[in-house]
Amino acid sequence: MTWDWGAVADFMPHFRDGLLITLRALALGSLISFALGLLWALLMRTPSRWVRWPVGVVTEFVRDTPLLVQLFFLFYVLPEWGLTFSALTTGVFAIGLHYSTYTMQVYRAGIEAVPAGQWEAATALNLPVGRTWRVVILPQAIRRVVPALGNYVISMLKDTPMLMAITVLDMLGQARLFSQEHFQFTEPLTVIGVAFILISYLASLLLRALERRLVH
């Protein structure tokens, strides 16, 4: 077996297209998971068990169900109920929803780590509940959990190849399509393997820098 640089050159335009799809899915999926995760965490702290119980059941179900099963359900079953979305939109929502159940736990840990004195000080100042959350609690909690949230971004990156199962041509999808058309598998798969390593490594460096900045 010999390495064919010509195959690499031929694959690069396809790789670029797949990389853009992967990064778009990662960015949008991360935003959804962060926003929904915070919403779940806040709802789980409401006094009413009629709110906490349904949220707990839904998030536990999503967390305990494989992401691939959720992708298939959203892409193939929802259209039978009249809800049809593009493959990329479905994939982005599935990743965001799935990981929101994990970021919820991260937010919850950050909120619980806020010293009790901060709650007492807000109460003593007679701050409204909403302002207490926005100005006092959440800024401290989110600052504590940013590194953990970043780790889930890297995990989401590693799960983006699952989108190929619902016809999204991410990096792996483009590599598989190119390989089947040209009968060359080593070069495209090696290129995307190196790309995943580099992106994950760069993301980890950014997370370490951000963590140092938050600590100091």
N, C-alpha and C. Protein backbone atom coordinates (compact mmCIF):
# COMPACT_ATOMS: atom_id res chain seq x y z
N MET A 1 0.85 -1.20 0.00
CA MET A 1 0.00 0.00 0.00
C MET A 1 0.88 1.24 0.00
N THR A 2 0.64 2.18 -0.89
CA THR A 2 1.40 3.42 -0.97
C THR A 2 0.49 4.60 -0.71
N TRP A 3 1.09 5.64 -0.15
CA TRP A 3 0.34 6.86 0.14
C TRP A 3 0.24 7.69 -1.13
N ASP A 4 -0.97 8.14 -1.44
CA ASP A 4 -1.22 8.87 -2.68
C ASP A 4 -1.56 10.33 -2.34
N TRP A 5 -0.58 11.22 -2.55
CA TRP A 5 -0.82 12.63 -2.28
C TRP A 5 -1.83 13.22 -3.25
N GLY A 6 -1.91 12.63 -4.44
CA GLY A 6 -2.91 13.09 -5.40
C GLY A 6 -4.32 12.89 -4.88
N ALA A 7 -4.55 11.77 -4.19
CA ALA A 7 -5.86 11.52 -3.60
C ALA A 7 -6.17 12.52 -2.50
N VAL A 8 -5.13 12.89 -1.75
CA VAL A 8 -5.32 13.90 -0.71
C VAL A 8 -5.74 15.23 -1.33
N ALA A 9 -5.04 15.61 -2.39
CA ALA A 9 -5.37 16.87 -3.07
C ALA A 9 -6.79 16.84 -3.63
N ASP A 10 -7.18 15.71 -4.19
CA ASP A 10 -8.53 15.59 -4.74
C ASP A 10 -9.59 15.65 -3.64
N PHE A 11 -9.23 15.15 -2.46
CA PHE A 11 -10.20 15.09 -1.36
C PHE A 11 -10.36 16.42 -0.65
N MET A 12 -9.37 17.31 -0.72
CA MET A 12 -9.39 18.53 0.09
C MET A 12 -10.63 19.41 -0.12
N PRO A 13 -11.13 19.61 -1.35
CA PRO A 13 -12.37 20.40 -1.48
C PRO A 13 -13.55 19.76 -0.75
N HIS A 14 -13.63 18.43 -0.79
CA HIS A 14 -14.69 17.73 -0.07
C HIS A 14 -14.47 17.85 1.44
N PHE A 15 -13.21 17.78 1.83
CA PHE A 15 -12.88 17.93 3.25
C PHE A 15 -13.28 19.30 3.77
N ARG A 16 -13.04 20.34 2.97
CA ARG A 16 -13.41 21.69 3.36
C ARG A 16 -14.91 21.80 3.58
N ASP A 17 -15.68 21.23 2.66
CA ASP A 17 -17.14 21.26 2.81
C ASP A 17 -17.58 20.52 4.06
N GLY A 18 -16.99 19.36 4.31
CA GLY A 18 -17.34 18.58 5.49
C GLY A 18 -16.93 19.27 6.77
N LEU A 19 -15.77 19.93 6.74
CA LEU A 19 -15.29 20.64 7.93
C LEU A 19 -16.25 21.77 8.30
N LEU A 20 -16.72 22.52 7.31
CA LEU A 20 -17.65 23.61 7.58
C LEU A 20 -18.95 23.09 8.19
N ILE A 21 -19.44 21.97 7.68
CA ILE A 21 -20.65 21.36 8.24
C ILE A 21 -20.41 20.91 9.66
N THR A 22 -19.27 20.29 9.91
CA THR A 22 -18.94 19.81 11.26
C THR A 22 -18.86 20.96 12.24
N LEU A 23 -18.16 22.03 11.86
CA LEU A 23 -18.02 23.17 12.76
C LEU A 23 -19.35 23.88 12.98
N ARG A 24 -20.19 23.94 11.94
CA ARG A 24 -21.50 24.56 12.10
C ARG A 24 -22.37 23.75 13.05
N ALA A 25 -22.36 22.44 12.88
CA ALA A 25 -23.14 21.58 13.78
C ALA A 25 -22.63 21.68 15.21
N LEU A 26 -21.32 21.75 15.35
CA LEU A 26 -20.73 21.85 16.69
C LEU A 26 -21.10 23.17 17.35
N ALA A 27 -20.98 24.28 16.63
CA ALA A 27 -21.27 25.59 17.21
C ALA A 27 -22.74 25.72 17.60
N LEU A 28 -23.63 25.37 16.68
CA LEU A 28 -25.07 25.50 16.96
C LEU A 28 -25.51 24.50 18.02
N GLY A 29 -25.00 23.27 17.95
CA GLY A 29 -25.34 22.27 18.96
C GLY A 29 -24.88 22.69 20.34
N SER A 30 -23.70 23.32 20.41
CA SER A 30 -23.19 23.79 21.71
C SER A 30 -24.09 24.88 22.28
N LEU A 31 -24.49 25.82 21.43
CA LEU A 31 -25.38 26.90 21.91
C LEU A 31 -26.69 26.34 22.44
N ILE A 32 -27.27 25.37 21.72
CA ILE A 32 -28.52 24.77 22.17
C ILE A 32 -28.32 24.03 23.48
N SER A 33 -27.25 23.28 23.58
CA SER A 33 -27.02 22.50 24.81
C SER A 33 -26.77 23.41 26.01
N PHE A 34 -26.06 24.53 25.81
CA PHE A 34 -25.81 25.45 26.92
C PHE A 34 -27.10 26.13 27.36
N ALA A 35 -27.90 26.59 26.39
CA ALA A 35 -29.13 27.29 26.72
C ALA A 35 -30.15 26.36 27.37
N LEU A 36 -30.38 25.18 26.75
CA LEU A 36 -31.34 24.24 27.31
C LEU A 36 -30.87 23.69 28.66
N GLY A 37 -29.57 23.43 28.77
CA GLY A 37 -29.04 22.92 30.03
C GLY A 37 -29.29 23.88 31.18
N LEU A 38 -29.07 25.18 30.91
CA LEU A 38 -29.34 26.19 31.95
C LEU A 38 -30.82 26.24 32.28
N LEU A 39 -31.67 26.15 31.24
CA LEU A 39 -33.11 26.15 31.48
C LEU A 39 -33.52 24.96 32.34
N TRP A 40 -33.03 23.77 32.00
CA TRP A 40 -33.37 22.58 32.81
C TRP A 40 -32.92 22.77 34.26
N ALA A 41 -31.70 23.29 34.45
CA ALA A 41 -31.17 23.46 35.80
C ALA A 41 -32.02 24.42 36.62
N LEU A 42 -32.46 25.50 35.99
CA LEU A 42 -33.30 26.46 36.70
C LEU A 42 -34.68 25.88 37.01
N LEU A 43 -35.24 25.15 36.05
CA LEU A 43 -36.55 24.55 36.29
C LEU A 43 -36.50 23.50 37.40
N MET A 44 -35.36 22.80 37.51
CA MET A 44 -35.24 21.79 38.56
C MET A 44 -35.14 22.41 39.95
N ARG A 45 -34.93 23.72 40.03
CA ARG A 45 -34.84 24.38 41.32
C ARG A 45 -36.13 25.13 41.69
N THR A 46 -37.15 24.99 40.85
CA THR A 46 -38.42 25.64 41.18
C THR A 46 -39.10 24.91 42.33
N PRO A 47 -39.87 25.61 43.14
CA PRO A 47 -40.53 24.97 44.30
C PRO A 47 -41.56 23.91 43.90
N SER A 48 -42.18 24.08 42.74
CA SER A 48 -43.28 23.19 42.35
C SER A 48 -42.76 21.84 41.83
N ARG A 49 -43.23 20.78 42.47
CA ARG A 49 -42.85 19.46 41.98
C ARG A 49 -43.52 19.13 40.66
N TRP A 50 -44.59 19.85 40.32
CA TRP A 50 -45.26 19.63 39.04
C TRP A 50 -44.41 20.15 37.87
N VAL A 51 -43.43 20.96 38.18
CA VAL A 51 -42.45 21.39 37.18
C VAL A 51 -41.22 20.49 37.24
N ARG A 52 -40.73 20.24 38.44
CA ARG A 52 -39.50 19.45 38.60
C ARG A 52 -39.67 18.03 38.09
N TRP A 53 -40.81 17.41 38.38
CA TRP A 53 -40.98 16.00 38.02
C TRP A 53 -40.96 15.78 36.51
N PRO A 54 -41.74 16.52 35.71
CA PRO A 54 -41.68 16.30 34.25
C PRO A 54 -40.29 16.59 33.67
N VAL A 55 -39.66 17.67 34.16
CA VAL A 55 -38.32 18.00 33.66
C VAL A 55 -37.34 16.89 34.00
N GLY A 56 -37.42 16.37 35.21
CA GLY A 56 -36.54 15.27 35.61
C GLY A 56 -36.75 14.03 34.77
N VAL A 57 -38.01 13.70 34.48
CA VAL A 57 -38.30 12.51 33.67
C VAL A 57 -37.78 12.68 32.24
N VAL A 58 -38.03 13.84 31.66
CA VAL A 58 -37.61 14.08 30.28
C VAL A 58 -36.09 14.06 30.15
N THR A 59 -35.41 14.78 31.02
CA THR A 59 -33.95 14.85 30.92
C THR A 59 -33.30 13.50 31.21
N GLU A 60 -33.86 12.76 32.15
CA GLU A 60 -33.31 11.43 32.45
C GLU A 60 -33.50 10.50 31.26
N PHE A 61 -34.66 10.57 30.62
CA PHE A 61 -34.93 9.74 29.45
C PHE A 61 -33.96 10.07 28.31
N VAL A 62 -33.77 11.36 28.06
CA VAL A 62 -32.86 11.76 26.98
C VAL A 62 -31.44 11.35 27.29
N ARG A 63 -31.02 11.52 28.54
CA ARG A 63 -29.65 11.19 28.92
C ARG A 63 -29.38 9.69 28.83
N ASP A 64 -30.41 8.88 29.10
CA ASP A 64 -30.23 7.43 29.11
C ASP A 64 -30.47 6.77 27.75
N THR A 65 -30.83 7.58 26.75
CA THR A 65 -31.09 7.05 25.42
C THR A 65 -29.91 7.38 24.51
N PRO A 66 -29.43 6.42 23.72
CA PRO A 66 -28.29 6.71 22.84
C PRO A 66 -28.59 7.83 21.86
N LEU A 67 -27.60 8.66 21.60
CA LEU A 67 -27.76 9.76 20.66
C LEU A 67 -28.17 9.26 19.28
N LEU A 68 -27.63 8.13 18.86
CA LEU A 68 -27.96 7.61 17.54
C LEU A 68 -29.44 7.27 17.43
N VAL A 69 -30.00 6.71 18.48
CA VAL A 69 -31.44 6.40 18.49
C VAL A 69 -32.25 7.68 18.38
N GLN A 70 -31.83 8.71 19.10
CA GLN A 70 -32.54 9.99 19.04
C GLN A 70 -32.47 10.59 17.64
N LEU A 71 -31.32 10.48 16.99
CA LEU A 71 -31.18 10.98 15.62
C LEU A 71 -32.15 10.28 14.68
N PHE A 72 -32.19 8.96 14.76
CA PHE A 72 -33.10 8.20 13.90
C PHE A 72 -34.55 8.57 14.18
N PHE A 73 -34.90 8.72 15.46
CA PHE A 73 -36.29 9.04 15.81
C PHE A 73 -36.69 10.40 15.25
N LEU A 74 -35.84 11.41 15.47
CA LEU A 74 -36.17 12.75 15.02
C LEU A 74 -36.21 12.85 13.50
N PHE A 75 -35.34 12.10 12.82
CA PHE A 75 -35.24 12.24 11.37
C PHE A 75 -36.25 11.39 10.62
N TYR A 76 -36.56 10.19 11.16
CA TYR A 76 -37.41 9.28 10.42
C TYR A 76 -38.84 9.17 10.98
N VAL A 77 -39.01 9.41 12.27
CA VAL A 77 -40.33 9.24 12.88
C VAL A 77 -41.12 10.54 12.88
N LEU A 78 -40.48 11.65 13.23
CA LEU A 78 -41.21 12.92 13.28
C LEU A 78 -41.89 13.29 11.96
N PRO A 79 -41.28 13.03 10.79
CA PRO A 79 -41.98 13.34 9.54
C PRO A 79 -43.32 12.62 9.40
N GLU A 80 -43.45 11.44 10.02
CA GLU A 80 -44.72 10.74 9.98
C GLU A 80 -45.80 11.47 10.77
N TRP A 81 -45.38 12.35 11.66
CA TRP A 81 -46.32 13.17 12.45
C TRP A 81 -46.46 14.57 11.86
N GLY A 82 -45.90 14.77 10.68
CA GLY A 82 -46.01 16.08 10.02
C GLY A 82 -44.94 17.07 10.37
N LEU A 83 -43.89 16.65 11.11
CA LEU A 83 -42.79 17.54 11.49
C LEU A 83 -41.55 17.16 10.69
N THR A 84 -41.24 17.94 9.68
CA THR A 84 -40.12 17.64 8.80
C THR A 84 -39.10 18.77 8.83
N PHE A 85 -37.85 18.41 9.07
CA PHE A 85 -36.76 19.37 9.09
C PHE A 85 -35.61 18.81 8.26
N SER A 86 -34.69 19.69 7.88
CA SER A 86 -33.54 19.23 7.12
C SER A 86 -32.67 18.33 7.99
N ALA A 87 -31.82 17.54 7.35
CA ALA A 87 -30.96 16.62 8.08
C ALA A 87 -30.04 17.37 9.04
N LEU A 88 -29.47 18.47 8.57
CA LEU A 88 -28.55 19.22 9.43
C LEU A 88 -29.28 19.83 10.62
N THR A 89 -30.46 20.41 10.38
CA THR A 89 -31.24 20.98 11.48
C THR A 89 -31.60 19.92 12.50
N THR A 90 -32.00 18.76 12.02
CA THR A 90 -32.34 17.66 12.93
C THR A 90 -31.12 17.23 13.73
N GLY A 91 -29.98 17.10 13.06
CA GLY A 91 -28.77 16.69 13.75
C GLY A 91 -28.31 17.68 14.79
N VAL A 92 -28.37 18.96 14.45
CA VAL A 92 -27.97 20.00 15.39
C VAL A 92 -28.86 19.97 16.63
N PHE A 93 -30.17 19.88 16.42
CA PHE A 93 -31.09 19.86 17.55
C PHE A 93 -30.89 18.61 18.41
N ALA A 94 -30.67 17.47 17.76
CA ALA A 94 -30.48 16.23 18.51
C ALA A 94 -29.24 16.30 19.39
N ILE A 95 -28.13 16.80 18.83
CA ILE A 95 -26.91 16.92 19.62
C ILE A 95 -27.11 17.91 20.76
N GLY A 96 -27.73 19.06 20.45
CA GLY A 96 -27.96 20.04 21.50
C GLY A 96 -28.85 19.53 22.60
N LEU A 97 -29.94 18.86 22.23
CA LEU A 97 -30.86 18.32 23.23
C LEU A 97 -30.18 17.25 24.06
N HIS A 98 -29.47 16.35 23.41
CA HIS A 98 -28.81 15.25 24.13
C HIS A 98 -27.81 15.78 25.16
N TYR A 99 -26.96 16.71 24.73
CA TYR A 99 -25.93 17.20 25.64
C TYR A 99 -26.46 18.20 26.65
N SER A 100 -27.64 18.75 26.41
CA SER A 100 -28.21 19.67 27.41
C SER A 100 -28.50 18.94 28.72
N THR A 101 -28.75 17.65 28.64
CA THR A 101 -29.01 16.89 29.87
C THR A 101 -27.74 16.69 30.69
N TYR A 102 -26.59 16.81 30.03
CA TYR A 102 -25.31 16.75 30.75
C TYR A 102 -24.89 18.12 31.25
N THR A 103 -25.06 19.15 30.40
CA THR A 103 -24.71 20.49 30.86
C THR A 103 -25.63 20.94 32.00
N MET A 104 -26.85 20.39 32.05
CA MET A 104 -27.74 20.69 33.16
C MET A 104 -27.07 20.32 34.48
N GLN A 105 -26.45 19.14 34.52
CA GLN A 105 -25.78 18.70 35.75
C GLN A 105 -24.60 19.60 36.08
N VAL A 106 -23.91 20.07 35.05
CA VAL A 106 -22.78 20.97 35.26
C VAL A 106 -23.26 22.28 35.87
N TYR A 107 -24.32 22.84 35.30
CA TYR A 107 -24.88 24.08 35.85
C TYR A 107 -25.34 23.88 37.29
N ARG A 108 -25.99 22.75 37.53
CA ARG A 108 -26.51 22.50 38.88
C ARG A 108 -25.37 22.46 39.89
N ALA A 109 -24.27 21.81 39.51
CA ALA A 109 -23.11 21.76 40.41
C ALA A 109 -22.55 23.16 40.64
N GLY A 110 -22.51 23.98 39.58
CA GLY A 110 -22.00 25.34 39.74
C GLY A 110 -22.89 26.18 40.63
N ILE A 111 -24.20 26.03 40.49
CA ILE A 111 -25.14 26.79 41.33
C ILE A 111 -25.01 26.37 42.79
N GLU A 112 -24.91 25.07 43.02
CA GLU A 112 -24.79 24.59 44.39
C GLU A 112 -23.46 24.98 45.03
N ALA A 113 -22.46 25.28 44.18
CA ALA A 113 -21.15 25.67 44.71
C ALA A 113 -21.09 27.12 45.14
N VAL A 114 -22.09 27.92 44.76
CA VAL A 114 -22.12 29.32 45.18
C VAL A 114 -22.33 29.36 46.70
N PRO A 115 -21.49 30.05 47.44
CA PRO A 115 -21.61 30.07 48.91
C PRO A 115 -22.99 30.54 49.37
N ALA A 116 -23.44 29.94 50.46
CA ALA A 116 -24.76 30.31 51.00
C ALA A 116 -24.82 31.78 51.38
N GLY A 117 -23.67 32.35 51.73
CA GLY A 117 -23.64 33.76 52.11
C GLY A 117 -24.08 34.68 50.99
N GLN A 118 -23.87 34.25 49.76
CA GLN A 118 -24.29 35.07 48.62
C GLN A 118 -25.81 35.14 48.54
N TRP A 119 -26.46 34.01 48.79
CA TRP A 119 -27.93 34.01 48.82
C TRP A 119 -28.44 34.88 49.98
N GLU A 120 -27.79 34.74 51.13
CA GLU A 120 -28.21 35.50 52.31
C GLU A 120 -28.02 37.00 52.10
N ALA A 121 -26.91 37.37 51.43
CA ALA A 121 -26.65 38.79 51.17
C ALA A 121 -27.71 39.36 50.23
N ALA A 122 -28.08 38.58 49.20
CA ALA A 122 -29.10 39.04 48.25
C ALA A 122 -30.44 39.21 48.96
N THR A 123 -30.74 38.29 49.87
CA THR A 123 -31.99 38.39 50.63
C THR A 123 -31.97 39.60 51.55
N ALA A 124 -30.82 39.83 52.19
CA ALA A 124 -30.70 40.98 53.09
C ALA A 124 -30.85 42.30 52.35
N LEU A 125 -30.39 42.33 51.09
CA LEU A 125 -30.52 43.55 50.28
C LEU A 125 -31.90 43.67 49.65
N ASN A 126 -32.75 42.66 49.91
CA ASN A 126 -34.11 42.66 49.37
C ASN A 126 -34.15 42.70 47.85
N LEU A 127 -33.20 41.97 47.24
CA LEU A 127 -33.17 41.89 45.78
C LEU A 127 -34.29 40.98 45.28
N PRO A 128 -34.93 41.34 44.20
CA PRO A 128 -35.94 40.43 43.61
C PRO A 128 -35.29 39.12 43.19
N VAL A 129 -36.10 38.07 43.12
CA VAL A 129 -35.56 36.75 42.80
C VAL A 129 -34.86 36.75 41.44
N GLY A 130 -35.50 37.35 40.45
CA GLY A 130 -34.91 37.37 39.12
C GLY A 130 -33.58 38.09 39.10
N ARG A 131 -33.49 39.22 39.79
CA ARG A 131 -32.23 39.97 39.83
C ARG A 131 -31.16 39.22 40.62
N THR A 132 -31.58 38.51 41.65
CA THR A 132 -30.62 37.69 42.41
C THR A 132 -29.95 36.66 41.52
N TRP A 133 -30.77 36.01 40.68
CA TRP A 133 -30.22 35.01 39.77
C TRP A 133 -29.31 35.66 38.73
N ARG A 134 -29.76 36.76 38.12
CA ARG A 134 -29.01 37.37 37.02
C ARG A 134 -27.72 38.03 37.46
N VAL A 135 -27.75 38.69 38.61
CA VAL A 135 -26.63 39.53 39.02
C VAL A 135 -25.70 38.83 40.02
N VAL A 136 -26.26 37.98 40.86
CA VAL A 136 -25.46 37.41 41.95
C VAL A 136 -25.09 35.94 41.68
N ILE A 137 -26.07 35.10 41.44
CA ILE A 137 -25.85 33.66 41.43
C ILE A 137 -25.26 33.16 40.11
N LEU A 138 -25.94 33.44 39.01
CA LEU A 138 -25.50 32.88 37.73
C LEU A 138 -24.10 33.32 37.30
N PRO A 139 -23.72 34.59 37.46
CA PRO A 139 -22.35 34.95 37.07
C PRO A 139 -21.29 34.14 37.80
N GLN A 140 -21.51 33.89 39.09
CA GLN A 140 -20.54 33.10 39.86
C GLN A 140 -20.59 31.63 39.45
N ALA A 141 -21.80 31.12 39.27
CA ALA A 141 -21.94 29.70 38.92
C ALA A 141 -21.34 29.40 37.55
N ILE A 142 -21.65 30.23 36.56
CA ILE A 142 -21.17 29.98 35.20
C ILE A 142 -19.65 30.10 35.13
N ARG A 143 -19.11 31.04 35.88
CA ARG A 143 -17.64 31.17 35.90
C ARG A 143 -16.98 29.90 36.39
N ARG A 144 -17.60 29.22 37.33
CA ARG A 144 -17.03 27.99 37.87
C ARG A 144 -17.12 26.81 36.89
N VAL A 145 -18.11 26.82 36.01
CA VAL A 145 -18.37 25.62 35.20
C VAL A 145 -17.93 25.75 33.75
N VAL A 146 -17.36 26.89 33.37
CA VAL A 146 -16.93 27.07 31.98
C VAL A 146 -15.98 25.96 31.52
N PRO A 147 -14.96 25.58 32.30
CA PRO A 147 -14.08 24.49 31.84
C PRO A 147 -14.83 23.18 31.61
N ALA A 148 -15.77 22.85 32.49
CA ALA A 148 -16.52 21.61 32.31
C ALA A 148 -17.41 21.68 31.08
N LEU A 149 -18.00 22.83 30.82
CA LEU A 149 -18.81 23.00 29.62
C LEU A 149 -17.94 22.84 28.38
N GLY A 150 -16.73 23.35 28.44
CA GLY A 150 -15.81 23.22 27.31
C GLY A 150 -15.47 21.78 27.00
N ASN A 151 -15.36 20.97 28.04
CA ASN A 151 -15.08 19.54 27.82
C ASN A 151 -16.22 18.88 27.05
N TYR A 152 -17.44 19.31 27.30
CA TYR A 152 -18.57 18.74 26.56
C TYR A 152 -18.58 19.21 25.11
N VAL A 153 -18.02 20.37 24.85
CA VAL A 153 -17.88 20.80 23.45
C VAL A 153 -16.98 19.83 22.69
N ILE A 154 -15.89 19.42 23.32
CA ILE A 154 -14.99 18.45 22.69
C ILE A 154 -15.70 17.11 22.50
N SER A 155 -16.51 16.72 23.47
CA SER A 155 -17.27 15.47 23.34
C SER A 155 -18.26 15.56 22.19
N MET A 156 -18.91 16.73 22.05
CA MET A 156 -19.84 16.92 20.94
C MET A 156 -19.12 16.83 19.60
N LEU A 157 -17.92 17.39 19.54
CA LEU A 157 -17.14 17.30 18.31
C LEU A 157 -16.92 15.84 17.92
N LYS A 158 -16.60 15.01 18.88
CA LYS A 158 -16.34 13.60 18.60
C LYS A 158 -17.60 12.84 18.20
N ASP A 159 -18.77 13.39 18.56
CA ASP A 159 -20.03 12.73 18.21
C ASP A 159 -20.64 13.23 16.91
N THR A 160 -20.08 14.29 16.33
CA THR A 160 -20.65 14.80 15.08
C THR A 160 -20.63 13.77 13.94
N PRO A 161 -19.67 12.82 13.89
CA PRO A 161 -19.75 11.82 12.81
C PRO A 161 -21.04 11.00 12.81
N MET A 162 -21.75 10.96 13.95
CA MET A 162 -23.02 10.24 13.97
C MET A 162 -24.05 10.86 13.03
N LEU A 163 -23.87 12.14 12.70
CA LEU A 163 -24.81 12.80 11.81
C LEU A 163 -24.81 12.18 10.42
N MET A 164 -23.75 11.48 10.09
CA MET A 164 -23.69 10.79 8.81
C MET A 164 -24.83 9.77 8.68
N ALA A 165 -25.30 9.26 9.83
CA ALA A 165 -26.36 8.25 9.82
C ALA A 165 -27.67 8.80 9.29
N ILE A 166 -27.82 10.14 9.33
CA ILE A 166 -29.05 10.75 8.79
C ILE A 166 -28.73 11.61 7.57
N THR A 167 -27.70 11.20 6.85
CA THR A 167 -27.31 11.76 5.54
C THR A 167 -26.64 13.13 5.60
N VAL A 168 -26.20 13.59 6.76
CA VAL A 168 -25.44 14.84 6.84
C VAL A 168 -24.01 14.57 6.40
N LEU A 169 -23.52 15.32 5.44
CA LEU A 169 -22.17 15.10 4.92
C LEU A 169 -21.17 15.96 5.71
N ASP A 170 -20.90 15.51 6.93
CA ASP A 170 -19.85 16.14 7.71
C ASP A 170 -18.50 15.63 7.22
N MET A 171 -17.46 15.78 8.00
CA MET A 171 -16.14 15.32 7.55
C MET A 171 -16.13 13.83 7.25
N LEU A 172 -16.70 13.03 8.16
CA LEU A 172 -16.72 11.59 7.93
C LEU A 172 -17.61 11.23 6.75
N GLY A 173 -18.73 11.92 6.62
CA GLY A 173 -19.62 11.65 5.49
C GLY A 173 -18.95 11.95 4.17
N GLN A 174 -18.23 13.04 4.10
CA GLN A 174 -17.51 13.39 2.87
C GLN A 174 -16.40 12.38 2.60
N ALA A 175 -15.70 11.94 3.65
CA ALA A 175 -14.64 10.95 3.46
C ALA A 175 -15.21 9.62 2.97
N ARG A 176 -16.32 9.21 3.54
CA ARG A 176 -16.93 7.95 3.11
C ARG A 176 -17.41 8.04 1.67
N LEU A 177 -18.04 9.15 1.30
CA LEU A 177 -18.53 9.31 -0.07
C LEU A 177 -17.37 9.33 -1.06
N PHE A 178 -16.31 10.06 -0.73
CA PHE A 178 -15.14 10.13 -1.61
C PHE A 178 -14.49 8.75 -1.75
N SER A 179 -14.40 8.03 -0.65
CA SER A 179 -13.76 6.71 -0.68
C SER A 179 -14.54 5.73 -1.54
N GLN A 180 -15.86 5.77 -1.45
CA GLN A 180 -16.68 4.87 -2.24
C GLN A 180 -16.63 5.20 -3.72
N GLU A 181 -16.48 6.49 -4.04
CA GLU A 181 -16.44 6.88 -5.44
C GLU A 181 -15.09 6.61 -6.09
N HIS A 182 -13.99 6.72 -5.31
CA HIS A 182 -12.65 6.60 -5.87
C HIS A 182 -11.92 5.35 -5.39
N PHE A 183 -12.55 4.56 -4.51
CA PHE A 183 -11.94 3.33 -3.98
C PHE A 183 -10.59 3.62 -3.32
N GLN A 184 -10.51 4.74 -2.63
CA GLN A 184 -9.33 5.11 -1.86
C GLN A 184 -9.80 5.51 -0.46
N PHE A 185 -9.46 4.68 0.50
CA PHE A 185 -9.97 4.86 1.84
C PHE A 185 -8.93 5.43 2.80
N THR A 186 -7.69 5.07 2.62
CA THR A 186 -6.65 5.44 3.58
C THR A 186 -6.48 6.95 3.68
N GLU A 187 -6.34 7.60 2.54
CA GLU A 187 -6.03 9.03 2.54
C GLU A 187 -7.14 9.88 3.15
N PRO A 188 -8.40 9.77 2.69
CA PRO A 188 -9.44 10.63 3.28
C PRO A 188 -9.70 10.35 4.76
N LEU A 189 -9.68 9.09 5.14
CA LEU A 189 -9.91 8.77 6.55
C LEU A 189 -8.76 9.26 7.42
N THR A 190 -7.54 9.21 6.92
CA THR A 190 -6.40 9.73 7.67
C THR A 190 -6.49 11.23 7.82
N VAL A 191 -6.90 11.92 6.75
CA VAL A 191 -7.03 13.38 6.80
C VAL A 191 -8.04 13.80 7.86
N ILE A 192 -9.20 13.16 7.90
CA ILE A 192 -10.20 13.58 8.89
C ILE A 192 -9.79 13.16 10.30
N GLY A 193 -9.05 12.05 10.42
CA GLY A 193 -8.56 11.66 11.73
C GLY A 193 -7.60 12.70 12.29
N VAL A 194 -6.70 13.17 11.44
CA VAL A 194 -5.76 14.22 11.86
C VAL A 194 -6.52 15.51 12.18
N ALA A 195 -7.54 15.81 11.37
CA ALA A 195 -8.33 17.03 11.60
C ALA A 195 -9.02 16.99 12.96
N PHE A 196 -9.61 15.85 13.32
CA PHE A 196 -10.27 15.74 14.63
C PHE A 196 -9.26 15.93 15.76
N ILE A 197 -8.07 15.35 15.60
CA ILE A 197 -7.05 15.48 16.63
C ILE A 197 -6.63 16.94 16.79
N LEU A 198 -6.39 17.62 15.66
CA LEU A 198 -5.95 19.01 15.72
C LEU A 198 -7.03 19.91 16.31
N ILE A 199 -8.28 19.73 15.89
CA ILE A 199 -9.36 20.57 16.42
C ILE A 199 -9.54 20.34 17.91
N SER A 200 -9.50 19.08 18.34
CA SER A 200 -9.64 18.77 19.76
C SER A 200 -8.49 19.35 20.57
N TYR A 201 -7.28 19.26 20.01
CA TYR A 201 -6.10 19.78 20.73
C TYR A 201 -6.17 21.29 20.86
N LEU A 202 -6.53 21.97 19.77
CA LEU A 202 -6.65 23.43 19.82
C LEU A 202 -7.75 23.85 20.80
N ALA A 203 -8.86 23.11 20.80
CA ALA A 203 -9.95 23.41 21.74
C ALA A 203 -9.49 23.23 23.18
N SER A 204 -8.71 22.19 23.44
CA SER A 204 -8.22 21.96 24.81
C SER A 204 -7.27 23.07 25.24
N LEU A 205 -6.44 23.57 24.31
CA LEU A 205 -5.55 24.69 24.65
C LEU A 205 -6.35 25.94 24.99
N LEU A 206 -7.39 26.21 24.21
CA LEU A 206 -8.23 27.36 24.49
C LEU A 206 -8.93 27.23 25.84
N LEU A 207 -9.36 26.01 26.16
CA LEU A 207 -10.03 25.79 27.45
C LEU A 207 -9.08 26.02 28.62
N ARG A 208 -7.83 25.55 28.46
CA ARG A 208 -6.85 25.76 29.53
C ARG A 208 -6.56 27.24 29.72
N ALA A 209 -6.43 27.96 28.61
CA ALA A 209 -6.18 29.41 28.71
C ALA A 209 -7.36 30.11 29.37
N LEU A 210 -8.58 29.71 28.98
CA LEU A 210 -9.77 30.32 29.57
C LEU A 210 -9.87 30.00 31.06
N GLU A 211 -9.53 28.78 31.42
CA GLU A 211 -9.58 28.39 32.83
C GLU A 211 -8.59 29.20 33.66
N ARG A 212 -7.38 29.38 33.13
CA ARG A 212 -6.38 30.20 33.85
C ARG A 212 -6.86 31.63 33.99
N ARG A 213 -7.49 32.15 32.96
CA ARG A 213 -7.99 33.53 32.99
C ARG A 213 -9.09 33.68 34.03
N LEU A 214 -9.98 32.69 34.11
CA LEU A 214 -11.08 32.77 35.07
C LEU A 214 -10.58 32.63 36.51
N VAL A 215 -9.56 31.80 36.69
CA VAL A 215 -9.02 31.58 38.04
C VAL A 215 -8.34 32.84 38.55
N HIS A 216 -7.63 33.53 37.65
CA HIS A 216 -6.90 34.71 38.07
C HIS A 216 -7.71 35.99 37.84
